[in-house]
Amino acid sequence: GRERASYDRELVHSVLDEAYVCHLGFVRDGAPVVLPTLFG
C-alpha cells in the first residue's frame, strides 16, 4: 500500500493531534511489548 503512504508534515501533525492514546512498542528481554499510553 505504498500509494497510501504520506510524509507530509501537516498531515502527520493533524493525525497525532486528534488522538488521545498512542501505542508504544519496544523490546523487553528479547520479546516485543506494546503499551497504550497518553502522549502530547
PDB file of all heavy atoms in Angstrom:
ATOM      1  N   GLY A   1       0.796  -1.219   0.000  1.00  0.00           N
ATOM      2  CA  GLY A   1       0.000   0.000   0.000  1.00  0.00           C
ATOM      3  C   GLY A   1       0.827   1.266   0.000  1.00  0.00           C
ATOM      4  O   GLY A   1       0.486   2.246   0.670  1.00  0.00           O
ATOM      5  N   ARG A   2       1.903   1.276  -0.759  1.00  0.00           N
ATOM      6  CA  ARG A   2       2.780   2.455  -0.752  1.00  0.00           C
ATOM      7  C   ARG A   2       2.065   3.703  -1.249  1.00  0.00           C
ATOM      8  O   ARG A   2       2.438   4.824  -0.869  1.00  0.00           O
ATOM      9  CB  ARG A   2       4.012   2.188  -1.624  1.00  0.00           C
ATOM     10  CG  ARG A   2       4.943   1.132  -1.058  1.00  0.00           C
ATOM     11  CD  ARG A   2       6.266   1.098  -1.796  1.00  0.00           C
ATOM     12  NE  ARG A   2       7.168   0.091  -1.247  1.00  0.00           N
ATOM     13  CZ  ARG A   2       8.445  -0.003  -1.548  1.00  0.00           C
ATOM     14  NH1 ARG A   2       8.988   0.840  -2.412  1.00  0.00           N
ATOM     15  NH2 ARG A   2       9.192  -0.950  -1.001  1.00  0.00           N
ATOM     16  N   GLU A   3       1.042   3.516  -2.087  1.00  0.00           N
ATOM     17  CA  GLU A   3       0.322   4.671  -2.611  1.00  0.00           C
ATOM     18  C   GLU A   3      -0.464   5.391  -1.514  1.00  0.00           C
ATOM     19  O   GLU A   3      -0.876   6.549  -1.690  1.00  0.00           O
ATOM     20  CB  GLU A   3      -0.630   4.248  -3.736  1.00  0.00           C
ATOM     21  CG  GLU A   3      -1.871   3.477  -3.297  1.00  0.00           C
ATOM     22  CD  GLU A   3      -1.613   2.010  -2.958  1.00  0.00           C
ATOM     23  OE1 GLU A   3      -0.445   1.559  -3.107  1.00  0.00           O
ATOM     24  OE2 GLU A   3      -2.568   1.330  -2.554  1.00  0.00           O
ATOM     25  N   ARG A   4      -0.667   4.738  -0.380  1.00  0.00           N
ATOM     26  CA  ARG A   4      -1.390   5.355   0.735  1.00  0.00           C
ATOM     27  C   ARG A   4      -0.458   6.053   1.718  1.00  0.00           C
ATOM     28  O   ARG A   4      -0.924   6.728   2.632  1.00  0.00           O
ATOM     29  CB  ARG A   4      -2.215   4.300   1.479  1.00  0.00           C
ATOM     30  CG  ARG A   4      -3.321   3.691   0.632  1.00  0.00           C
ATOM     31  CD  ARG A   4      -4.050   2.594   1.372  1.00  0.00           C
ATOM     32  NE  ARG A   4      -5.071   1.983   0.534  1.00  0.00           N
ATOM     33  CZ  ARG A   4      -5.688   0.842   0.802  1.00  0.00           C
ATOM     34  NH1 ARG A   4      -5.372   0.173   1.899  1.00  0.00           N
ATOM     35  NH2 ARG A   4      -6.612   0.364  -0.017  1.00  0.00           N
ATOM     36  N   ALA A   5       0.823   5.880   1.553  1.00  0.00           N
ATOM     37  CA  ALA A   5       1.786   6.479   2.479  1.00  0.00           C
ATOM     38  C   ALA A   5       1.982   7.953   2.175  1.00  0.00           C
ATOM     39  O   ALA A   5       1.902   8.392   1.017  1.00  0.00           O
ATOM     40  CB  ALA A   5       3.115   5.746   2.410  1.00  0.00           C
ATOM     41  N   SER A   6       2.214   8.719   3.223  1.00  0.00           N
ATOM     42  CA  SER A   6       2.478  10.148   3.077  1.00  0.00           C
ATOM     43  C   SER A   6       3.515  10.565   4.106  1.00  0.00           C
ATOM     44  O   SER A   6       3.557  10.022   5.219  1.00  0.00           O
ATOM     45  CB  SER A   6       1.193  10.956   3.278  1.00  0.00           C
ATOM     46  OG  SER A   6       1.472  12.349   3.299  1.00  0.00           O
ATOM     47  N   TYR A   7       4.319  11.538   3.733  1.00  0.00           N
ATOM     48  CA  TYR A   7       5.330  12.076   4.648  1.00  0.00           C
ATOM     49  C   TYR A   7       5.082  13.564   4.887  1.00  0.00           C
ATOM     50  O   TYR A   7       5.952  14.273   5.388  1.00  0.00           O
ATOM     51  CB  TYR A   7       6.726  11.825   4.063  1.00  0.00           C
ATOM     52  CG  TYR A   7       6.920  10.359   3.769  1.00  0.00           C
ATOM     53  CD1 TYR A   7       6.619   9.833   2.505  1.00  0.00           C
ATOM     54  CD2 TYR A   7       7.315   9.475   4.767  1.00  0.00           C
ATOM     55  CE1 TYR A   7       6.727   8.474   2.249  1.00  0.00           C
ATOM     56  CE2 TYR A   7       7.435   8.117   4.523  1.00  0.00           C
ATOM     57  CZ  TYR A   7       7.134   7.626   3.261  1.00  0.00           C
ATOM     58  OH  TYR A   7       7.229   6.273   3.022  1.00  0.00           O
ATOM     59  N   ASP A   8       3.887  13.997   4.534  1.00  0.00           N
ATOM     60  CA  ASP A   8       3.503  15.400   4.695  1.00  0.00           C
ATOM     61  C   ASP A   8       3.449  15.763   6.183  1.00  0.00           C
ATOM     62  O   ASP A   8       2.743  15.133   6.972  1.00  0.00           O
ATOM     63  CB  ASP A   8       2.142  15.642   4.042  1.00  0.00           C
ATOM     64  CG  ASP A   8       1.708  17.083   4.179  1.00  0.00           C
ATOM     65  OD1 ASP A   8       2.213  17.919   3.420  1.00  0.00           O
ATOM     66  OD2 ASP A   8       0.870  17.370   5.059  1.00  0.00           O
ATOM     67  N   ARG A   9       4.192  16.770   6.544  1.00  0.00           N
ATOM     68  CA  ARG A   9       4.325  17.138   7.955  1.00  0.00           C
ATOM     69  C   ARG A   9       2.990  17.600   8.543  1.00  0.00           C
ATOM     70  O   ARG A   9       2.620  17.238   9.664  1.00  0.00           O
ATOM     71  CB  ARG A   9       5.380  18.245   8.094  1.00  0.00           C
ATOM     72  CG  ARG A   9       5.868  18.479   9.512  1.00  0.00           C
ATOM     73  CD  ARG A   9       6.990  19.514   9.511  1.00  0.00           C
ATOM     74  NE  ARG A   9       8.108  19.085   8.697  1.00  0.00           N
ATOM     75  CZ  ARG A   9       9.146  18.391   9.149  1.00  0.00           C
ATOM     76  NH1 ARG A   9       9.205  18.054  10.422  1.00  0.00           N
ATOM     77  NH2 ARG A   9      10.130  18.041   8.342  1.00  0.00           N
ATOM     78  N   GLU A  10       2.242  18.384   7.781  1.00  0.00           N
ATOM     79  CA  GLU A  10       0.959  18.887   8.285  1.00  0.00           C
ATOM     80  C   GLU A  10      -0.027  17.745   8.508  1.00  0.00           C
ATOM     81  O   GLU A  10      -0.768  17.730   9.507  1.00  0.00           O
ATOM     82  CB  GLU A  10       0.382  19.907   7.302  1.00  0.00           C
ATOM     83  CG  GLU A  10      -0.894  20.567   7.782  1.00  0.00           C
ATOM     84  CD  GLU A  10      -1.370  21.658   6.846  1.00  0.00           C
ATOM     85  OE1 GLU A  10      -0.601  22.053   5.941  1.00  0.00           O
ATOM     86  OE2 GLU A  10      -2.525  22.111   7.017  1.00  0.00           O
ATOM     87  N   LEU A  11      -0.045  16.773   7.606  1.00  0.00           N
ATOM     88  CA  LEU A  11      -0.924  15.615   7.778  1.00  0.00           C
ATOM     89  C   LEU A  11      -0.526  14.818   9.014  1.00  0.00           C
ATOM     90  O   LEU A  11      -1.388  14.417   9.817  1.00  0.00           O
ATOM     91  CB  LEU A  11      -0.874  14.723   6.538  1.00  0.00           C
ATOM     92  CG  LEU A  11      -1.598  13.376   6.653  1.00  0.00           C
ATOM     93  CD1 LEU A  11      -3.092  13.581   6.885  1.00  0.00           C
ATOM     94  CD2 LEU A  11      -1.350  12.530   5.405  1.00  0.00           C
ATOM     95  N   VAL A  12       0.762  14.566   9.178  1.00  0.00           N
ATOM     96  CA  VAL A  12       1.242  13.819  10.345  1.00  0.00           C
ATOM     97  C   VAL A  12       0.813  14.511  11.633  1.00  0.00           C
ATOM     98  O   VAL A  12       0.277  13.890  12.554  1.00  0.00           O
ATOM     99  CB  VAL A  12       2.772  13.662  10.296  1.00  0.00           C
ATOM    100  CG1 VAL A  12       3.313  13.184  11.642  1.00  0.00           C
ATOM    101  CG2 VAL A  12       3.166  12.680   9.192  1.00  0.00           C
ATOM    102  N   HIS A  13       1.019  15.818  11.699  1.00  0.00           N
ATOM    103  CA  HIS A  13       0.651  16.559  12.901  1.00  0.00           C
ATOM    104  C   HIS A  13      -0.849  16.476  13.169  1.00  0.00           C
ATOM    105  O   HIS A  13      -1.278  16.328  14.321  1.00  0.00           O
ATOM    106  CB  HIS A  13       1.080  18.013  12.773  1.00  0.00           C
ATOM    107  CG  HIS A  13       2.555  18.217  12.856  1.00  0.00           C
ATOM    108  ND1 HIS A  13       3.143  19.465  12.786  1.00  0.00           N
ATOM    109  CD2 HIS A  13       3.578  17.333  12.998  1.00  0.00           C
ATOM    110  CE1 HIS A  13       4.459  19.343  12.891  1.00  0.00           C
ATOM    111  NE2 HIS A  13       4.747  18.064  13.014  1.00  0.00           N
ATOM    112  N   SER A  14      -1.651  16.569  12.119  1.00  0.00           N
ATOM    113  CA  SER A  14      -3.107  16.549  12.311  1.00  0.00           C
ATOM    114  C   SER A  14      -3.568  15.204  12.847  1.00  0.00           C
ATOM    115  O   SER A  14      -4.468  15.138  13.699  1.00  0.00           O
ATOM    116  CB  SER A  14      -3.820  16.888  10.995  1.00  0.00           C
ATOM    117  OG  SER A  14      -3.680  15.843  10.036  1.00  0.00           O
ATOM    118  N   VAL A  15      -2.974  14.120  12.365  1.00  0.00           N
ATOM    119  CA  VAL A  15      -3.347  12.784  12.852  1.00  0.00           C
ATOM    120  C   VAL A  15      -2.940  12.634  14.312  1.00  0.00           C
ATOM    121  O   VAL A  15      -3.703  12.129  15.143  1.00  0.00           O
ATOM    122  CB  VAL A  15      -2.696  11.691  11.987  1.00  0.00           C
ATOM    123  CG1 VAL A  15      -2.927  10.312  12.595  1.00  0.00           C
ATOM    124  CG2 VAL A  15      -3.257  11.735  10.560  1.00  0.00           C
ATOM    125  N   LEU A  16      -1.742  13.083  14.651  1.00  0.00           N
ATOM    126  CA  LEU A  16      -1.284  12.993  16.036  1.00  0.00           C
ATOM    127  C   LEU A  16      -2.144  13.840  16.964  1.00  0.00           C
ATOM    128  O   LEU A  16      -2.541  13.391  18.050  1.00  0.00           O
ATOM    129  CB  LEU A  16       0.175  13.438  16.131  1.00  0.00           C
ATOM    130  CG  LEU A  16       1.213  12.530  15.473  1.00  0.00           C
ATOM    131  CD1 LEU A  16       2.578  13.218  15.469  1.00  0.00           C
ATOM    132  CD2 LEU A  16       1.306  11.183  16.185  1.00  0.00           C
ATOM    133  N   ASP A  17      -2.457  15.053  16.546  1.00  0.00           N
ATOM    134  CA  ASP A  17      -3.132  15.985  17.439  1.00  0.00           C
ATOM    135  C   ASP A  17      -4.584  15.607  17.710  1.00  0.00           C
ATOM    136  O   ASP A  17      -5.175  16.071  18.688  1.00  0.00           O
ATOM    137  CB  ASP A  17      -3.071  17.393  16.861  1.00  0.00           C
ATOM    138  CG  ASP A  17      -1.658  17.965  16.851  1.00  0.00           C
ATOM    139  OD1 ASP A  17      -0.777  17.343  17.454  1.00  0.00           O
ATOM    140  OD2 ASP A  17      -1.448  19.011  16.229  1.00  0.00           O
ATOM    141  N   GLU A  18      -5.171  14.780  16.863  1.00  0.00           N
ATOM    142  CA  GLU A  18      -6.551  14.371  17.058  1.00  0.00           C
ATOM    143  C   GLU A  18      -6.672  13.157  17.979  1.00  0.00           C
ATOM    144  O   GLU A  18      -7.776  12.764  18.362  1.00  0.00           O
ATOM    145  CB  GLU A  18      -7.183  14.053  15.691  1.00  0.00           C
ATOM    146  CG  GLU A  18      -8.691  13.961  15.707  1.00  0.00           C
ATOM    147  CD  GLU A  18      -9.265  13.735  14.327  1.00  0.00           C
ATOM    148  OE1 GLU A  18      -8.704  14.284  13.349  1.00  0.00           O
ATOM    149  OE2 GLU A  18     -10.256  12.997  14.220  1.00  0.00           O
ATOM    150  N   ALA A  19      -5.544  12.584  18.360  1.00  0.00           N
ATOM    151  CA  ALA A  19      -5.565  11.337  19.127  1.00  0.00           C
ATOM    152  C   ALA A  19      -5.467  11.592  20.613  1.00  0.00           C
ATOM    153  O   ALA A  19      -4.884  12.579  21.068  1.00  0.00           O
ATOM    154  CB  ALA A  19      -4.418  10.440  18.680  1.00  0.00           C
ATOM    155  N   TYR A  20      -6.049  10.669  21.397  1.00  0.00           N
ATOM    156  CA  TYR A  20      -5.899  10.668  22.843  1.00  0.00           C
ATOM    157  C   TYR A  20      -4.770   9.735  23.273  1.00  0.00           C
ATOM    158  O   TYR A  20      -4.012  10.031  24.184  1.00  0.00           O
ATOM    159  CB  TYR A  20      -7.179  10.159  23.524  1.00  0.00           C
ATOM    160  CG  TYR A  20      -8.405  10.995  23.297  1.00  0.00           C
ATOM    161  CD1 TYR A  20      -9.629  10.393  23.014  1.00  0.00           C
ATOM    162  CD2 TYR A  20      -8.363  12.389  23.381  1.00  0.00           C
ATOM    163  CE1 TYR A  20     -10.770  11.143  22.822  1.00  0.00           C
ATOM    164  CE2 TYR A  20      -9.495  13.144  23.187  1.00  0.00           C
ATOM    165  CZ  TYR A  20     -10.706  12.524  22.912  1.00  0.00           C
ATOM    166  OH  TYR A  20     -11.831  13.267  22.718  1.00  0.00           O
ATOM    167  N   VAL A  21      -4.707   8.573  22.625  1.00  0.00           N
ATOM    168  CA  VAL A  21      -3.851   7.484  23.073  1.00  0.00           C
ATOM    169  C   VAL A  21      -2.917   7.063  21.937  1.00  0.00           C
ATOM    170  O   VAL A  21      -3.317   7.045  20.765  1.00  0.00           O
ATOM    171  CB  VAL A  21      -4.689   6.275  23.520  1.00  0.00           C
ATOM    172  CG1 VAL A  21      -3.820   5.064  23.842  1.00  0.00           C
ATOM    173  CG2 VAL A  21      -5.546   6.645  24.736  1.00  0.00           C
ATOM    174  N   CYS A  22      -1.689   6.752  22.271  1.00  0.00           N
ATOM    175  CA  CYS A  22      -0.764   6.144  21.318  1.00  0.00           C
ATOM    176  C   CYS A  22      -0.414   4.756  21.829  1.00  0.00           C
ATOM    177  O   CYS A  22      -0.710   4.394  22.970  1.00  0.00           O
ATOM    178  CB  CYS A  22       0.495   6.990  21.157  1.00  0.00           C
ATOM    179  SG  CYS A  22       1.578   6.985  22.616  1.00  0.00           S
ATOM    180  N   HIS A  23       0.222   3.967  20.968  1.00  0.00           N
ATOM    181  CA  HIS A  23       0.750   2.667  21.379  1.00  0.00           C
ATOM    182  C   HIS A  23       2.266   2.708  21.215  1.00  0.00           C
ATOM    183  O   HIS A  23       2.774   3.040  20.136  1.00  0.00           O
ATOM    184  CB  HIS A  23       0.137   1.536  20.549  1.00  0.00           C
ATOM    185  CG  HIS A  23      -1.268   1.235  20.945  1.00  0.00           C
ATOM    186  ND1 HIS A  23      -2.344   1.966  20.460  1.00  0.00           N
ATOM    187  CD2 HIS A  23      -1.787   0.305  21.785  1.00  0.00           C
ATOM    188  CE1 HIS A  23      -3.459   1.492  20.991  1.00  0.00           C
ATOM    189  NE2 HIS A  23      -3.153   0.493  21.799  1.00  0.00           N
ATOM    190  N   LEU A  24       2.951   2.407  22.310  1.00  0.00           N
ATOM    191  CA  LEU A  24       4.409   2.491  22.356  1.00  0.00           C
ATOM    192  C   LEU A  24       4.974   1.080  22.353  1.00  0.00           C
ATOM    193  O   LEU A  24       4.738   0.300  23.277  1.00  0.00           O
ATOM    194  CB  LEU A  24       4.845   3.234  23.624  1.00  0.00           C
ATOM    195  CG  LEU A  24       6.341   3.516  23.768  1.00  0.00           C
ATOM    196  CD1 LEU A  24       6.787   4.552  22.739  1.00  0.00           C
ATOM    197  CD2 LEU A  24       6.645   4.005  25.188  1.00  0.00           C
ATOM    198  N   GLY A  25       5.726   0.758  21.307  1.00  0.00           N
ATOM    199  CA  GLY A  25       6.318  -0.560  21.175  1.00  0.00           C
ATOM    200  C   GLY A  25       7.818  -0.531  21.419  1.00  0.00           C
ATOM    201  O   GLY A  25       8.505   0.414  21.015  1.00  0.00           O
ATOM    202  N   PHE A  26       8.316  -1.569  22.090  1.00  0.00           N
ATOM    203  CA  PHE A  26       9.746  -1.698  22.358  1.00  0.00           C
ATOM    204  C   PHE A  26      10.040  -3.170  22.622  1.00  0.00           C
ATOM    205  O   PHE A  26       9.132  -4.008  22.665  1.00  0.00           O
ATOM    206  CB  PHE A  26      10.170  -0.834  23.557  1.00  0.00           C
ATOM    207  CG  PHE A  26       9.392  -1.113  24.811  1.00  0.00           C
ATOM    208  CD1 PHE A  26       9.869  -1.993  25.777  1.00  0.00           C
ATOM    209  CD2 PHE A  26       8.168  -0.501  25.032  1.00  0.00           C
ATOM    210  CE1 PHE A  26       9.146  -2.264  26.924  1.00  0.00           C
ATOM    211  CE2 PHE A  26       7.434  -0.756  26.184  1.00  0.00           C
ATOM    212  CZ  PHE A  26       7.919  -1.650  27.126  1.00  0.00           C
ATOM    213  N   VAL A  27      11.305  -3.500  22.759  1.00  0.00           N
ATOM    214  CA  VAL A  27      11.705  -4.884  23.017  1.00  0.00           C
ATOM    215  C   VAL A  27      12.161  -4.998  24.460  1.00  0.00           C
ATOM    216  O   VAL A  27      12.996  -4.213  24.925  1.00  0.00           O
ATOM    217  CB  VAL A  27      12.837  -5.329  22.066  1.00  0.00           C
ATOM    218  CG1 VAL A  27      13.332  -6.722  22.439  1.00  0.00           C
ATOM    219  CG2 VAL A  27      12.341  -5.310  20.624  1.00  0.00           C
ATOM    220  N   ARG A  28      11.599  -5.991  25.177  1.00  0.00           N
ATOM    221  CA  ARG A  28      11.963  -6.224  26.565  1.00  0.00           C
ATOM    222  C   ARG A  28      12.331  -7.691  26.733  1.00  0.00           C
ATOM    223  O   ARG A  28      11.538  -8.580  26.410  1.00  0.00           O
ATOM    224  CB  ARG A  28      10.796  -5.873  27.500  1.00  0.00           C
ATOM    225  CG  ARG A  28      11.128  -6.032  28.988  1.00  0.00           C
ATOM    226  CD  ARG A  28       9.975  -5.549  29.854  1.00  0.00           C
ATOM    227  NE  ARG A  28       8.810  -6.405  29.709  1.00  0.00           N
ATOM    228  CZ  ARG A  28       7.589  -6.065  30.153  1.00  0.00           C
ATOM    229  NH1 ARG A  28       7.399  -4.872  30.701  1.00  0.00           N
ATOM    230  NH2 ARG A  28       6.586  -6.895  30.016  1.00  0.00           N
ATOM    231  N   ASP A  29      13.531  -7.933  27.211  1.00  0.00           N
ATOM    232  CA  ASP A  29      14.021  -9.302  27.404  1.00  0.00           C
ATOM    233  C   ASP A  29      13.894 -10.127  26.123  1.00  0.00           C
ATOM    234  O   ASP A  29      13.524 -11.301  26.150  1.00  0.00           O
ATOM    235  CB  ASP A  29      13.265  -9.990  28.542  1.00  0.00           C
ATOM    236  CG  ASP A  29      13.456  -9.287  29.878  1.00  0.00           C
ATOM    237  OD1 ASP A  29      14.512  -8.666  30.062  1.00  0.00           O
ATOM    238  OD2 ASP A  29      12.542  -9.366  30.727  1.00  0.00           O
ATOM    239  N   GLY A  30      14.159  -9.484  24.997  1.00  0.00           N
ATOM    240  CA  GLY A  30      14.141 -10.177  23.714  1.00  0.00           C
ATOM    241  C   GLY A  30      12.778 -10.379  23.108  1.00  0.00           C
ATOM    242  O   GLY A  30      12.666 -10.981  22.032  1.00  0.00           O
ATOM    243  N   ALA A  31      11.717  -9.867  23.738  1.00  0.00           N
ATOM    244  CA  ALA A  31      10.359 -10.045  23.221  1.00  0.00           C
ATOM    245  C   ALA A  31       9.701  -8.685  23.013  1.00  0.00           C
ATOM    246  O   ALA A  31       9.952  -7.741  23.771  1.00  0.00           O
ATOM    247  CB  ALA A  31       9.522 -10.888  24.174  1.00  0.00           C
ATOM    248  N   PRO A  32       8.854  -8.571  21.993  1.00  0.00           N
ATOM    249  CA  PRO A  32       8.186  -7.287  21.747  1.00  0.00           C
ATOM    250  C   PRO A  32       7.109  -7.002  22.790  1.00  0.00           C
ATOM    251  O   PRO A  32       6.414  -7.903  23.250  1.00  0.00           O
ATOM    252  CB  PRO A  32       7.568  -7.469  20.359  1.00  0.00           C
ATOM    253  CG  PRO A  32       7.377  -8.945  20.221  1.00  0.00           C
ATOM    254  CD  PRO A  32       8.510  -9.579  20.965  1.00  0.00           C
ATOM    255  N   VAL A  33       6.991  -5.739  23.161  1.00  0.00           N
ATOM    256  CA  VAL A  33       5.968  -5.273  24.093  1.00  0.00           C
ATOM    257  C   VAL A  33       5.345  -4.018  23.505  1.00  0.00           C
ATOM    258  O   VAL A  33       6.046  -3.149  22.972  1.00  0.00           O
ATOM    259  CB  VAL A  33       6.569  -4.949  25.476  1.00  0.00           C
ATOM    260  CG1 VAL A  33       5.497  -4.407  26.419  1.00  0.00           C
ATOM    261  CG2 VAL A  33       7.226  -6.174  26.082  1.00  0.00           C
ATOM    262  N   VAL A  34       4.015  -3.911  23.579  1.00  0.00           N
ATOM    263  CA  VAL A  34       3.306  -2.725  23.103  1.00  0.00           C
ATOM    264  C   VAL A  34       2.388  -2.244  24.219  1.00  0.00           C
ATOM    265  O   VAL A  34       1.557  -3.005  24.722  1.00  0.00           O
ATOM    266  CB  VAL A  34       2.488  -3.014  21.839  1.00  0.00           C
ATOM    267  CG1 VAL A  34       1.741  -1.758  21.396  1.00  0.00           C
ATOM    268  CG2 VAL A  34       3.381  -3.521  20.708  1.00  0.00           C
ATOM    269  N   LEU A  35       2.548  -0.979  24.615  1.00  0.00           N
ATOM    270  CA  LEU A  35       1.759  -0.418  25.702  1.00  0.00           C
ATOM    271  C   LEU A  35       0.946   0.775  25.212  1.00  0.00           C
ATOM    272  O   LEU A  35       1.483   1.662  24.545  1.00  0.00           O
ATOM    273  CB  LEU A  35       2.677   0.047  26.841  1.00  0.00           C
ATOM    274  CG  LEU A  35       3.552  -1.010  27.520  1.00  0.00           C
ATOM    275  CD1 LEU A  35       4.436  -0.345  28.557  1.00  0.00           C
ATOM    276  CD2 LEU A  35       2.687  -2.086  28.153  1.00  0.00           C
ATOM    277  N   PRO A  36      -0.349   0.821  25.546  1.00  0.00           N
ATOM    278  CA  PRO A  36      -1.131   2.032  25.268  1.00  0.00           C
ATOM    279  C   PRO A  36      -0.821   3.090  26.317  1.00  0.00           C
ATOM    280  O   PRO A  36      -0.696   2.777  27.511  1.00  0.00           O
ATOM    281  CB  PRO A  36      -2.574   1.537  25.381  1.00  0.00           C
ATOM    282  CG  PRO A  36      -2.502   0.400  26.341  1.00  0.00           C
ATOM    283  CD  PRO A  36      -1.156  -0.244  26.153  1.00  0.00           C
ATOM    284  N   THR A  37      -0.687   4.328  25.900  1.00  0.00           N
ATOM    285  CA  THR A  37      -0.367   5.381  26.853  1.00  0.00           C
ATOM    286  C   THR A  37      -0.804   6.731  26.302  1.00  0.00           C
ATOM    287  O   THR A  37      -0.958   6.906  25.092  1.00  0.00           O
ATOM    288  CB  THR A  37       1.143   5.400  27.169  1.00  0.00           C
ATOM    289  OG1 THR A  37       1.404   6.396  28.169  1.00  0.00           O
ATOM    290  CG2 THR A  37       1.961   5.729  25.930  1.00  0.00           C
ATOM    291  N   LEU A  38      -0.999   7.682  27.204  1.00  0.00           N
ATOM    292  CA  LEU A  38      -1.277   9.053  26.787  1.00  0.00           C
ATOM    293  C   LEU A  38       0.010   9.691  26.276  1.00  0.00           C
ATOM    294  O   LEU A  38       1.113   9.293  26.638  1.00  0.00           O
ATOM    295  CB  LEU A  38      -1.824   9.858  27.965  1.00  0.00           C
ATOM    296  CG  LEU A  38      -3.147   9.379  28.564  1.00  0.00           C
ATOM    297  CD1 LEU A  38      -3.497  10.222  29.790  1.00  0.00           C
ATOM    298  CD2 LEU A  38      -4.260   9.436  27.544  1.00  0.00           C
ATOM    299  N   PHE A  39      -0.150  10.713  25.453  1.00  0.00           N
ATOM    300  CA  PHE A  39       1.018  11.407  24.915  1.00  0.00           C
ATOM    301  C   PHE A  39       0.643  12.845  24.611  1.00  0.00           C
ATOM    302  O   PHE A  39      -0.526  13.237  24.642  1.00  0.00           O
ATOM    303  CB  PHE A  39       1.529  10.707  23.644  1.00  0.00           C
ATOM    304  CG  PHE A  39       0.678  10.976  22.427  1.00  0.00           C
ATOM    305  CD1 PHE A  39       1.091  11.881  21.458  1.00  0.00           C
ATOM    306  CD2 PHE A  39      -0.538  10.326  22.249  1.00  0.00           C
ATOM    307  CE1 PHE A  39       0.301  12.137  20.344  1.00  0.00           C
ATOM    308  CE2 PHE A  39      -1.327  10.562  21.143  1.00  0.00           C
ATOM    309  CZ  PHE A  39      -0.905  11.476  20.180  1.00  0.00           C
ATOM    310  N   GLY A  40       1.643  13.639  24.296  1.00  0.00           N
ATOM    311  CA  GLY A  40       1.437  15.015  23.870  1.00  0.00           C
ATOM    312  C   GLY A  40       2.473  15.397  22.839  1.00  0.00           C
ATOM    313  O   GLY A  40       3.574  14.845  22.823  1.00  0.00           O
TER     314      GLY A  40
END
